[in-house]
Amino acid sequence: MSIDLNEDAAIRRVTEQLKTSYSDRRTPEEIEAAVAEARESFSALPIRTHVPVLVERKARRILSEHAR
């Protein structure tokens, strides 16, 4: 399955936004890992339009659940 370049750009924006939002609670590496985990969970979806939004929501849940 091919990942759209627009999706890659959107995921990069999501990652940067999360780094800003969670900068006082999470390392950049933790945020990147949460985004990667979230994105992987949606890798089999055939329609990719809303994947960046879904990734952001799931990554936020991951980061909040594992609060320090």
C-alpha atoms as a PDB file:
ATOM      1  CA  MET A   1       0.000   0.000   0.000  1.00  0.00           C
ATOM      2  CA  SER A   2       1.350   3.371  -0.980  1.00  0.00           C
ATOM      3  CA  ILE A   3       1.463   6.199   1.542  1.00  0.00           C
ATOM      4  CA  ASP A   4       0.629   9.589   0.061  1.00  0.00           C
ATOM      5  CA  LEU A   5       3.252  12.335   0.326  1.00  0.00           C
ATOM      6  CA  ASN A   6       0.516  14.634   1.622  1.00  0.00           C
ATOM      7  CA  GLU A   7      -0.093  12.171   4.444  1.00  0.00           C
ATOM      8  CA  ASP A   8       3.621  12.187   5.287  1.00  0.00           C
ATOM      9  CA  ALA A   9       3.609  15.986   5.403  1.00  0.00           C
ATOM     10  CA  ALA A  10       0.484  16.008   7.575  1.00  0.00           C
ATOM     11  CA  ILE A  11       2.027  13.494   9.984  1.00  0.00           C
ATOM     12  CA  ARG A  12       5.159  15.668  10.233  1.00  0.00           C
ATOM     13  CA  ARG A  13       2.936  18.663  11.101  1.00  0.00           C
ATOM     14  CA  VAL A  14       1.079  16.594  13.709  1.00  0.00           C
ATOM     15  CA  THR A  15       4.392  15.502  15.215  1.00  0.00           C
ATOM     16  CA  GLU A  16       5.629  19.084  15.444  1.00  0.00           C
ATOM     17  CA  GLN A  17       2.348  20.233  16.998  1.00  0.00           C
ATOM     18  CA  LEU A  18       2.537  17.474  19.586  1.00  0.00           C
ATOM     19  CA  LYS A  19       6.142  18.366  20.366  1.00  0.00           C
ATOM     20  CA  THR A  20       4.988  21.900  21.096  1.00  0.00           C
ATOM     21  CA  SER A  21       1.960  20.791  23.120  1.00  0.00           C
ATOM     22  CA  TYR A  22       3.845  18.204  25.174  1.00  0.00           C
ATOM     23  CA  SER A  23       7.268  19.872  25.391  1.00  0.00           C
ATOM     24  CA  ASP A  24       6.982  20.275  29.159  1.00  0.00           C
ATOM     25  CA  ARG A  25       5.964  16.634  29.745  1.00  0.00           C
ATOM     26  CA  ARG A  26       7.522  14.489  27.021  1.00  0.00           C
ATOM     27  CA  THR A  27      10.786  14.172  25.172  1.00  0.00           C
ATOM     28  CA  PRO A  28      10.782  14.537  21.390  1.00  0.00           C
ATOM     29  CA  GLU A  29      11.677  10.843  21.172  1.00  0.00           C
ATOM     30  CA  GLU A  30       8.637   9.830  23.244  1.00  0.00           C
ATOM     31  CA  ILE A  31       6.391  11.932  21.022  1.00  0.00           C
ATOM     32  CA  GLU A  32       7.860  10.494  17.846  1.00  0.00           C
ATOM     33  CA  ALA A  33       7.401   6.964  19.230  1.00  0.00           C
ATOM     34  CA  ALA A  34       3.756   7.669  20.092  1.00  0.00           C
ATOM     35  CA  VAL A  35       3.109   9.031  16.596  1.00  0.00           C
ATOM     36  CA  ALA A  36       4.829   6.024  15.019  1.00  0.00           C
ATOM     37  CA  GLU A  37       2.807   3.599  17.164  1.00  0.00           C
ATOM     38  CA  ALA A  38      -0.417   5.397  16.332  1.00  0.00           C
ATOM     39  CA  ARG A  39       0.360   5.534  12.619  1.00  0.00           C
ATOM     40  CA  GLU A  40       1.241   1.850  12.517  1.00  0.00           C
ATOM     41  CA  SER A  41      -2.146   0.983  13.997  1.00  0.00           C
ATOM     42  CA  PHE A  42      -3.820   2.562  10.954  1.00  0.00           C
ATOM     43  CA  SER A  43      -1.448   1.166   8.325  1.00  0.00           C
ATOM     44  CA  ALA A  44      -3.985  -1.297   6.919  1.00  0.00           C
ATOM     45  CA  LEU A  45      -6.700   1.270   6.278  1.00  0.00           C
ATOM     46  CA  PRO A  46      -7.365   1.451   2.547  1.00  0.00           C
ATOM     47  CA  ILE A  47      -8.708   5.000   2.653  1.00  0.00           C
ATOM     48  CA  ARG A  48      -6.023   7.324   3.972  1.00  0.00           C
ATOM     49  CA  THR A  49      -7.849  10.677   3.999  1.00  0.00           C
ATOM     50  CA  HIS A  50      -8.362  10.946   7.756  1.00  0.00           C
ATOM     51  CA  VAL A  51      -5.316   9.020   8.939  1.00  0.00           C
ATOM     52  CA  PRO A  52      -3.400  12.127  10.160  1.00  0.00           C
ATOM     53  CA  VAL A  53      -6.348  13.146  12.359  1.00  0.00           C
ATOM     54  CA  LEU A  54      -6.701   9.617  13.704  1.00  0.00           C
ATOM     55  CA  VAL A  55      -2.962   9.434  14.354  1.00  0.00           C
ATOM     56  CA  GLU A  56      -3.023  12.716  16.271  1.00  0.00           C
ATOM     57  CA  ARG A  57      -5.917  11.592  18.459  1.00  0.00           C
ATOM     58  CA  LYS A  58      -4.369   8.221  19.213  1.00  0.00           C
ATOM     59  CA  ALA A  59      -0.918   9.701  19.871  1.00  0.00           C
ATOM     60  CA  ARG A  60      -2.457  12.174  22.321  1.00  0.00           C
ATOM     61  CA  ARG A  61      -4.152   9.271  24.120  1.00  0.00           C
ATOM     62  CA  ILE A  62      -0.880   7.357  24.252  1.00  0.00           C
ATOM     63  CA  LEU A  63       0.990  10.372  25.603  1.00  0.00           C
ATOM     64  CA  SER A  64      -1.713  11.101  28.189  1.00  0.00           C
ATOM     65  CA  GLU A  65      -2.058   7.486  29.341  1.00  0.00           C
ATOM     66  CA  HIS A  66       1.641   7.208  30.036  1.00  0.00           C
ATOM     67  CA  ALA A  67       1.794  10.425  32.012  1.00  0.00           C
ATOM     68  CA  ARG A  68       4.805  10.863  34.226  1.00  0.00           C
END
